[in-house]
Amino acid sequence: MKKIAGFFLLFCIAAVTLVFFALSQPSQMTHYAAEDLVGLTCAELSARHDDFIFEYHDAEIANYRRTGGFQDDLGLPQEETLPFIVLMRWFMQDNEIIEADLVHSSLPSKTLQGTKFYYEISAACASASPLRAVDVMQQVATKLNLIDPAVSP
């Protein structure tokens, strides 16, 4: 009987140690490179975007449980880490679109998410989810005269 109780006690100690170790590890966030996102449809990109935000919130909650407080960013991921923005920045660089081209006097914004370009891409992707996100960006950039349709691939 003592052996069974001893094994049970060792098992409980090992289980508690394992749980403590798992909870003390920082959450691993999935960060996307543009190459991971280029061929995705709008629906797939949207799913990756949503998953990233949920992952970020889960990491913030895990951090709160470990430390007893939230970080200064109030649980909001940095804009440049969002999959949609990662792909948008790649598209802009590939097509030589600079952020200054996106700022209109009627829409002053310090973020890409506050631009008309982002708004138009989001709206177009929402209505055409089976299309490749890069193709939608191409259409929107042409519509907003950010790129010349004769020069673009």
N, C-alpha and C. Protein backbone atom coordinates (compact mmCIF):
# COMPACT_ATOMS: atom_id res chain seq x y z
N MET A 1 0.82 -1.19 0.00
CA MET A 1 0.00 0.00 0.00
C MET A 1 0.87 1.27 0.00
N LYS A 2 1.99 1.19 0.73
CA LYS A 2 2.89 2.33 0.79
C LYS A 2 3.49 2.62 -0.59
N LYS A 3 3.77 1.56 -1.35
CA LYS A 3 4.33 1.74 -2.68
C LYS A 3 3.32 2.44 -3.59
N ILE A 4 2.06 2.05 -3.54
CA ILE A 4 1.02 2.68 -4.37
C ILE A 4 0.87 4.15 -3.98
N ALA A 5 0.85 4.43 -2.68
CA ALA A 5 0.73 5.81 -2.22
C ALA A 5 1.95 6.62 -2.66
N GLY A 6 3.13 6.02 -2.60
CA GLY A 6 4.35 6.70 -3.02
C GLY A 6 4.33 7.01 -4.52
N PHE A 7 3.92 6.03 -5.35
CA PHE A 7 3.81 6.27 -6.79
C PHE A 7 2.78 7.34 -7.11
N PHE A 8 1.65 7.30 -6.39
CA PHE A 8 0.61 8.30 -6.60
C PHE A 8 1.12 9.69 -6.24
N LEU A 9 1.85 9.80 -5.14
CA LEU A 9 2.41 11.08 -4.73
C LEU A 9 3.43 11.58 -5.75
N LEU A 10 4.29 10.71 -6.24
CA LEU A 10 5.25 11.10 -7.26
C LEU A 10 4.56 11.53 -8.55
N PHE A 11 3.50 10.82 -8.91
CA PHE A 11 2.73 11.17 -10.11
C PHE A 11 2.12 12.56 -9.96
N CYS A 12 1.54 12.83 -8.80
CA CYS A 12 0.93 14.15 -8.56
C CYS A 12 1.98 15.26 -8.61
N ILE A 13 3.13 15.02 -8.01
CA ILE A 13 4.20 16.02 -8.04
C ILE A 13 4.67 16.26 -9.47
N ALA A 14 4.82 15.20 -10.25
CA ALA A 14 5.24 15.34 -11.65
C ALA A 14 4.19 16.10 -12.45
N ALA A 15 2.91 15.81 -12.21
CA ALA A 15 1.83 16.49 -12.94
C ALA A 15 1.81 17.98 -12.60
N VAL A 16 1.93 18.32 -11.33
CA VAL A 16 1.93 19.73 -10.92
C VAL A 16 3.15 20.45 -11.51
N THR A 17 4.30 19.79 -11.51
CA THR A 17 5.50 20.38 -12.09
C THR A 17 5.32 20.63 -13.58
N LEU A 18 4.75 19.66 -14.27
CA LEU A 18 4.51 19.80 -15.71
C LEU A 18 3.54 20.95 -16.00
N VAL A 19 2.46 21.05 -15.23
CA VAL A 19 1.49 22.14 -15.43
C VAL A 19 2.15 23.48 -15.14
N PHE A 20 2.91 23.58 -14.08
CA PHE A 20 3.59 24.82 -13.75
C PHE A 20 4.57 25.22 -14.85
N PHE A 21 5.32 24.24 -15.36
CA PHE A 21 6.27 24.50 -16.44
C PHE A 21 5.55 24.98 -17.69
N ALA A 22 4.43 24.34 -18.04
CA ALA A 22 3.68 24.72 -19.25
C ALA A 22 3.11 26.13 -19.11
N LEU A 23 2.62 26.47 -17.93
CA LEU A 23 2.04 27.80 -17.74
C LEU A 23 3.10 28.89 -17.65
N SER A 24 4.30 28.54 -17.24
CA SER A 24 5.34 29.56 -17.11
C SER A 24 6.02 29.89 -18.43
N GLN A 25 5.81 29.07 -19.45
CA GLN A 25 6.42 29.32 -20.75
C GLN A 25 5.67 30.44 -21.46
N PRO A 26 6.38 31.37 -22.10
CA PRO A 26 5.70 32.41 -22.86
C PRO A 26 4.98 31.81 -24.07
N SER A 27 3.84 32.38 -24.39
CA SER A 27 3.07 31.89 -25.52
C SER A 27 3.81 32.20 -26.82
N GLN A 28 3.83 31.24 -27.71
CA GLN A 28 4.50 31.42 -28.99
C GLN A 28 3.51 32.00 -30.00
N MET A 29 3.83 33.15 -30.48
CA MET A 29 2.97 33.81 -31.47
C MET A 29 3.43 33.41 -32.87
N THR A 30 2.47 33.21 -33.74
CA THR A 30 2.78 32.93 -35.14
C THR A 30 2.94 34.27 -35.84
N HIS A 31 4.13 34.52 -36.35
CA HIS A 31 4.36 35.74 -37.13
C HIS A 31 4.52 35.34 -38.58
N TYR A 32 3.81 36.04 -39.44
CA TYR A 32 3.80 35.72 -40.85
C TYR A 32 4.75 36.61 -41.63
N ALA A 33 5.42 36.02 -42.59
CA ALA A 33 6.20 36.77 -43.56
C ALA A 33 5.32 36.92 -44.80
N ALA A 34 5.61 37.92 -45.59
CA ALA A 34 4.80 38.16 -46.80
C ALA A 34 4.78 36.93 -47.70
N GLU A 35 5.90 36.21 -47.75
CA GLU A 35 5.97 35.02 -48.61
C GLU A 35 4.95 33.95 -48.19
N ASP A 36 4.58 33.94 -46.91
CA ASP A 36 3.58 32.99 -46.41
C ASP A 36 2.17 33.38 -46.83
N LEU A 37 1.98 34.64 -47.19
CA LEU A 37 0.64 35.17 -47.42
C LEU A 37 0.32 35.49 -48.87
N VAL A 38 1.31 35.56 -49.74
CA VAL A 38 1.15 36.04 -51.11
C VAL A 38 0.08 35.29 -51.90
N GLY A 39 0.04 33.99 -51.84
CA GLY A 39 -0.89 33.21 -52.67
C GLY A 39 -2.26 33.00 -52.06
N LEU A 40 -2.54 33.59 -50.90
CA LEU A 40 -3.80 33.33 -50.22
C LEU A 40 -4.97 34.09 -50.83
N THR A 41 -6.14 33.48 -50.73
CA THR A 41 -7.36 34.19 -51.13
C THR A 41 -7.72 35.16 -50.01
N CYS A 42 -8.67 36.02 -50.29
CA CYS A 42 -9.12 36.96 -49.27
C CYS A 42 -9.67 36.22 -48.05
N ALA A 43 -10.41 35.14 -48.29
CA ALA A 43 -10.98 34.37 -47.18
C ALA A 43 -9.89 33.75 -46.33
N GLU A 44 -8.85 33.19 -46.97
CA GLU A 44 -7.74 32.58 -46.22
C GLU A 44 -6.95 33.64 -45.46
N LEU A 45 -6.72 34.78 -46.08
CA LEU A 45 -6.00 35.86 -45.41
C LEU A 45 -6.80 36.38 -44.22
N SER A 46 -8.09 36.50 -44.39
CA SER A 46 -8.95 36.94 -43.30
C SER A 46 -8.91 35.95 -42.14
N ALA A 47 -8.91 34.66 -42.45
CA ALA A 47 -8.83 33.64 -41.40
C ALA A 47 -7.50 33.74 -40.65
N ARG A 48 -6.40 33.93 -41.37
CA ARG A 48 -5.09 34.08 -40.72
C ARG A 48 -5.06 35.34 -39.85
N HIS A 49 -5.67 36.39 -40.34
CA HIS A 49 -5.74 37.65 -39.61
C HIS A 49 -6.51 37.46 -38.30
N ASP A 50 -7.67 36.83 -38.39
CA ASP A 50 -8.49 36.59 -37.19
C ASP A 50 -7.76 35.67 -36.21
N ASP A 51 -7.16 34.59 -36.73
CA ASP A 51 -6.42 33.66 -35.87
C ASP A 51 -5.29 34.37 -35.14
N PHE A 52 -4.59 35.26 -35.85
CA PHE A 52 -3.49 36.00 -35.24
C PHE A 52 -4.00 36.86 -34.08
N ILE A 53 -5.11 37.55 -34.30
CA ILE A 53 -5.65 38.42 -33.26
C ILE A 53 -6.09 37.59 -32.05
N PHE A 54 -6.77 36.45 -32.29
CA PHE A 54 -7.16 35.59 -31.18
C PHE A 54 -5.94 35.03 -30.44
N GLU A 55 -4.91 34.65 -31.18
CA GLU A 55 -3.67 34.16 -30.59
C GLU A 55 -3.04 35.24 -29.72
N TYR A 56 -3.06 36.46 -30.21
CA TYR A 56 -2.48 37.57 -29.46
C TYR A 56 -3.25 37.80 -28.17
N HIS A 57 -4.58 37.78 -28.26
CA HIS A 57 -5.39 37.98 -27.05
C HIS A 57 -5.17 36.84 -26.05
N ASP A 58 -5.07 35.61 -26.55
CA ASP A 58 -4.80 34.47 -25.66
C ASP A 58 -3.45 34.63 -24.97
N ALA A 59 -2.45 35.11 -25.70
CA ALA A 59 -1.13 35.34 -25.11
C ALA A 59 -1.20 36.44 -24.05
N GLU A 60 -1.99 37.47 -24.29
CA GLU A 60 -2.14 38.54 -23.31
C GLU A 60 -2.82 38.03 -22.05
N ILE A 61 -3.84 37.17 -22.22
CA ILE A 61 -4.52 36.60 -21.06
C ILE A 61 -3.57 35.70 -20.28
N ALA A 62 -2.77 34.90 -20.98
CA ALA A 62 -1.79 34.04 -20.32
C ALA A 62 -0.77 34.89 -19.56
N ASN A 63 -0.35 36.00 -20.17
CA ASN A 63 0.58 36.92 -19.50
C ASN A 63 -0.07 37.51 -18.25
N TYR A 64 -1.34 37.85 -18.34
CA TYR A 64 -2.05 38.40 -17.19
C TYR A 64 -2.10 37.37 -16.05
N ARG A 65 -2.35 36.12 -16.40
CA ARG A 65 -2.40 35.06 -15.39
C ARG A 65 -1.04 34.87 -14.72
N ARG A 66 0.03 35.02 -15.50
CA ARG A 66 1.38 34.86 -14.94
C ARG A 66 1.81 36.06 -14.12
N THR A 67 1.54 37.26 -14.62
CA THR A 67 2.10 38.46 -14.01
C THR A 67 1.10 39.26 -13.20
N GLY A 68 -0.19 39.05 -13.42
CA GLY A 68 -1.20 39.80 -12.69
C GLY A 68 -1.52 41.15 -13.31
N GLY A 69 -1.02 41.42 -14.51
CA GLY A 69 -1.29 42.69 -15.17
C GLY A 69 -1.15 42.59 -16.67
N PHE A 70 -1.80 43.51 -17.34
CA PHE A 70 -1.70 43.56 -18.79
C PHE A 70 -0.52 44.45 -19.19
N GLN A 71 -0.04 44.26 -20.40
CA GLN A 71 1.02 45.11 -20.92
C GLN A 71 0.43 46.46 -21.30
N ASP A 72 1.29 47.41 -21.60
CA ASP A 72 0.86 48.78 -21.88
C ASP A 72 0.02 48.92 -23.15
N ASP A 73 0.11 47.95 -24.07
CA ASP A 73 -0.59 48.09 -25.35
C ASP A 73 -2.06 47.68 -25.27
N LEU A 74 -2.55 47.37 -24.08
CA LEU A 74 -3.97 47.04 -23.86
C LEU A 74 -4.46 45.88 -24.72
N GLY A 75 -3.60 44.94 -24.99
CA GLY A 75 -4.00 43.74 -25.72
C GLY A 75 -4.13 43.91 -27.21
N LEU A 76 -3.61 44.99 -27.75
CA LEU A 76 -3.70 45.22 -29.19
C LEU A 76 -2.37 44.88 -29.85
N PRO A 77 -2.39 44.03 -30.88
CA PRO A 77 -1.13 43.72 -31.56
C PRO A 77 -0.63 44.94 -32.33
N GLN A 78 0.66 45.00 -32.52
CA GLN A 78 1.24 46.08 -33.32
C GLN A 78 0.75 45.94 -34.76
N GLU A 79 0.44 47.05 -35.38
CA GLU A 79 -0.12 47.03 -36.73
C GLU A 79 0.77 46.27 -37.71
N GLU A 80 2.08 46.46 -37.63
CA GLU A 80 2.96 45.84 -38.62
C GLU A 80 3.05 44.32 -38.49
N THR A 81 2.49 43.74 -37.43
CA THR A 81 2.50 42.29 -37.28
C THR A 81 1.22 41.63 -37.80
N LEU A 82 0.20 42.41 -38.09
CA LEU A 82 -1.07 41.85 -38.58
C LEU A 82 -0.88 41.29 -39.99
N PRO A 83 -1.35 40.06 -40.24
CA PRO A 83 -1.15 39.45 -41.56
C PRO A 83 -1.64 40.31 -42.73
N PHE A 84 -2.77 40.96 -42.57
CA PHE A 84 -3.30 41.80 -43.65
C PHE A 84 -2.33 42.94 -43.97
N ILE A 85 -1.79 43.54 -42.91
CA ILE A 85 -0.86 44.67 -43.08
C ILE A 85 0.48 44.18 -43.63
N VAL A 86 0.93 43.00 -43.19
CA VAL A 86 2.18 42.43 -43.71
C VAL A 86 2.08 42.28 -45.23
N LEU A 87 0.97 41.72 -45.71
CA LEU A 87 0.80 41.54 -47.15
C LEU A 87 0.62 42.88 -47.86
N MET A 88 -0.10 43.78 -47.24
CA MET A 88 -0.31 45.10 -47.84
C MET A 88 1.01 45.85 -47.98
N ARG A 89 1.85 45.80 -46.97
CA ARG A 89 3.17 46.46 -47.05
C ARG A 89 4.03 45.82 -48.14
N TRP A 90 3.98 44.49 -48.26
CA TRP A 90 4.73 43.81 -49.32
C TRP A 90 4.24 44.28 -50.69
N PHE A 91 2.92 44.35 -50.86
CA PHE A 91 2.34 44.79 -52.13
C PHE A 91 2.77 46.22 -52.43
N MET A 92 2.73 47.08 -51.42
CA MET A 92 3.13 48.48 -51.63
C MET A 92 4.60 48.58 -52.03
N GLN A 93 5.44 47.82 -51.37
CA GLN A 93 6.87 47.85 -51.71
C GLN A 93 7.09 47.29 -53.11
N ASP A 94 6.41 46.21 -53.44
CA ASP A 94 6.57 45.58 -54.75
C ASP A 94 6.11 46.50 -55.88
N ASN A 95 5.12 47.36 -55.60
CA ASN A 95 4.57 48.26 -56.61
C ASN A 95 5.02 49.70 -56.41
N GLU A 96 6.01 49.90 -55.55
CA GLU A 96 6.59 51.22 -55.29
C GLU A 96 5.54 52.26 -54.88
N ILE A 97 4.65 51.83 -54.02
CA ILE A 97 3.66 52.73 -53.43
C ILE A 97 4.20 53.13 -52.07
N ILE A 98 4.31 54.42 -51.83
CA ILE A 98 4.80 54.87 -50.53
C ILE A 98 3.60 55.32 -49.69
N GLU A 99 3.79 55.29 -48.38
CA GLU A 99 2.69 55.64 -47.49
C GLU A 99 2.19 57.06 -47.71
N ALA A 100 3.05 57.95 -48.13
CA ALA A 100 2.64 59.33 -48.39
C ALA A 100 1.60 59.38 -49.50
N ASP A 101 1.65 58.42 -50.44
CA ASP A 101 0.65 58.36 -51.51
C ASP A 101 -0.74 58.02 -50.97
N LEU A 102 -0.79 57.41 -49.80
CA LEU A 102 -2.06 56.94 -49.25
C LEU A 102 -2.76 57.97 -48.37
N VAL A 103 -2.01 58.96 -47.93
CA VAL A 103 -2.56 59.94 -47.01
C VAL A 103 -3.28 61.03 -47.81
N HIS A 104 -4.55 61.18 -47.50
CA HIS A 104 -5.36 62.23 -48.12
C HIS A 104 -5.70 63.26 -47.05
N SER A 105 -5.86 64.48 -47.44
CA SER A 105 -6.16 65.52 -46.46
C SER A 105 -7.48 65.25 -45.75
N SER A 106 -8.40 64.54 -46.41
CA SER A 106 -9.68 64.25 -45.76
C SER A 106 -9.59 63.10 -44.77
N LEU A 107 -8.52 62.29 -44.89
CA LEU A 107 -8.37 61.14 -44.00
C LEU A 107 -6.98 61.13 -43.35
N PRO A 108 -6.70 62.07 -42.47
CA PRO A 108 -5.38 62.06 -41.85
C PRO A 108 -5.26 60.84 -40.93
N SER A 109 -4.22 60.06 -41.14
CA SER A 109 -4.03 58.85 -40.34
C SER A 109 -2.56 58.54 -40.22
N LYS A 110 -2.20 57.98 -39.08
CA LYS A 110 -0.81 57.58 -38.87
C LYS A 110 -0.64 56.09 -39.07
N THR A 111 -1.71 55.39 -39.38
CA THR A 111 -1.63 53.94 -39.56
C THR A 111 -2.17 53.57 -40.94
N LEU A 112 -1.73 52.44 -41.44
CA LEU A 112 -2.25 51.96 -42.72
C LEU A 112 -3.72 51.57 -42.60
N GLN A 113 -4.13 51.13 -41.43
CA GLN A 113 -5.52 50.75 -41.25
C GLN A 113 -6.47 51.94 -41.33
N GLY A 114 -5.95 53.12 -41.22
CA GLY A 114 -6.79 54.31 -41.31
C GLY A 114 -6.83 54.92 -42.70
N THR A 115 -6.24 54.24 -43.69
CA THR A 115 -6.20 54.80 -45.04
C THR A 115 -7.36 54.30 -45.89
N LYS A 116 -7.65 55.05 -46.91
CA LYS A 116 -8.69 54.65 -47.86
C LYS A 116 -8.28 53.38 -48.60
N PHE A 117 -7.00 53.24 -48.86
CA PHE A 117 -6.49 52.04 -49.52
C PHE A 117 -6.84 50.80 -48.71
N TYR A 118 -6.59 50.82 -47.41
CA TYR A 118 -6.93 49.69 -46.54
C TYR A 118 -8.45 49.46 -46.53
N TYR A 119 -9.19 50.53 -46.40
CA TYR A 119 -10.65 50.42 -46.37
C TYR A 119 -11.18 49.78 -47.66
N GLU A 120 -10.69 50.24 -48.79
CA GLU A 120 -11.15 49.72 -50.08
C GLU A 120 -10.76 48.25 -50.26
N ILE A 121 -9.55 47.90 -49.83
CA ILE A 121 -9.13 46.50 -49.93
C ILE A 121 -10.00 45.62 -49.05
N SER A 122 -10.25 46.07 -47.83
CA SER A 122 -11.10 45.31 -46.90
C SER A 122 -12.49 45.10 -47.47
N ALA A 123 -13.06 46.16 -48.01
CA ALA A 123 -14.41 46.06 -48.58
C ALA A 123 -14.42 45.14 -49.80
N ALA A 124 -13.42 45.28 -50.66
CA ALA A 124 -13.36 44.43 -51.86
C ALA A 124 -13.13 42.97 -51.49
N CYS A 125 -12.28 42.72 -50.52
CA CYS A 125 -12.03 41.34 -50.08
C CYS A 125 -13.29 40.73 -49.44
N ALA A 126 -14.01 41.53 -48.70
CA ALA A 126 -15.23 41.02 -48.06
C ALA A 126 -16.27 40.60 -49.09
N SER A 127 -16.30 41.28 -50.22
CA SER A 127 -17.30 40.94 -51.24
C SER A 127 -16.77 39.95 -52.27
N ALA A 128 -15.47 39.68 -52.27
CA ALA A 128 -14.89 38.77 -53.26
C ALA A 128 -13.91 37.83 -52.57
N SER A 129 -14.36 37.11 -51.56
CA SER A 129 -13.46 36.29 -50.75
C SER A 129 -12.74 35.16 -51.50
N PRO A 130 -13.27 34.61 -52.62
CA PRO A 130 -12.50 33.57 -53.30
C PRO A 130 -11.33 34.10 -54.14
N LEU A 131 -11.27 35.41 -54.36
CA LEU A 131 -10.18 35.98 -55.16
C LEU A 131 -8.90 36.04 -54.33
N ARG A 132 -7.75 35.97 -55.02
CA ARG A 132 -6.48 36.13 -54.33
C ARG A 132 -6.39 37.56 -53.78
N ALA A 133 -5.91 37.67 -52.56
CA ALA A 133 -5.83 38.98 -51.91
C ALA A 133 -4.94 39.94 -52.69
N VAL A 134 -3.85 39.44 -53.27
CA VAL A 134 -2.95 40.29 -54.04
C VAL A 134 -3.66 40.83 -55.29
N ASP A 135 -4.51 40.02 -55.91
CA ASP A 135 -5.27 40.48 -57.08
C ASP A 135 -6.25 41.59 -56.70
N VAL A 136 -6.85 41.45 -55.53
CA VAL A 136 -7.77 42.49 -55.05
C VAL A 136 -6.99 43.77 -54.77
N MET A 137 -5.83 43.66 -54.17
CA MET A 137 -4.99 44.83 -53.91
C MET A 137 -4.61 45.51 -55.22
N GLN A 138 -4.32 44.71 -56.23
CA GLN A 138 -3.99 45.24 -57.56
C GLN A 138 -5.16 46.04 -58.12
N GLN A 139 -6.36 45.48 -58.03
CA GLN A 139 -7.56 46.17 -58.54
C GLN A 139 -7.81 47.47 -57.79
N VAL A 140 -7.69 47.43 -56.48
CA VAL A 140 -7.95 48.63 -55.67
C VAL A 140 -6.88 49.69 -55.94
N ALA A 141 -5.63 49.29 -56.03
CA ALA A 141 -4.55 50.26 -56.29
C ALA A 141 -4.75 50.92 -57.66
N THR A 142 -5.22 50.15 -58.63
CA THR A 142 -5.50 50.71 -59.96
C THR A 142 -6.67 51.69 -59.87
N LYS A 143 -7.72 51.28 -59.16
CA LYS A 143 -8.92 52.12 -59.00
C LYS A 143 -8.58 53.45 -58.33
N LEU A 144 -7.67 53.43 -57.35
CA LEU A 144 -7.30 54.64 -56.62
C LEU A 144 -6.14 55.39 -57.27
N ASN A 145 -5.75 54.97 -58.47
CA ASN A 145 -4.66 55.59 -59.23
C ASN A 145 -3.34 55.58 -58.47
N LEU A 146 -3.11 54.53 -57.71
CA LEU A 146 -1.84 54.37 -57.01
C LEU A 146 -0.81 53.69 -57.90
N ILE A 147 -1.29 52.93 -58.87
CA ILE A 147 -0.41 52.29 -59.84
C ILE A 147 -1.01 52.46 -61.22
N ASP A 148 -0.17 52.42 -62.21
CA ASP A 148 -0.60 52.56 -63.59
C ASP A 148 -0.98 51.15 -64.12
N PRO A 149 -2.22 50.96 -64.57
CA PRO A 149 -2.61 49.62 -65.02
C PRO A 149 -1.80 49.13 -66.24
N ALA A 150 -1.26 50.04 -67.02
CA ALA A 150 -0.47 49.64 -68.17
C ALA A 150 0.91 49.12 -67.77
N VAL A 151 1.41 49.59 -66.63
CA VAL A 151 2.75 49.22 -66.18
C VAL A 151 2.70 48.01 -65.26
N SER A 152 1.63 47.87 -64.46
CA SER A 152 1.57 46.79 -63.48
C SER A 152 1.44 45.44 -64.16
N PRO A 153 1.99 44.38 -63.51
CA PRO A 153 1.96 43.05 -64.11
C PRO A 153 0.58 42.44 -64.18
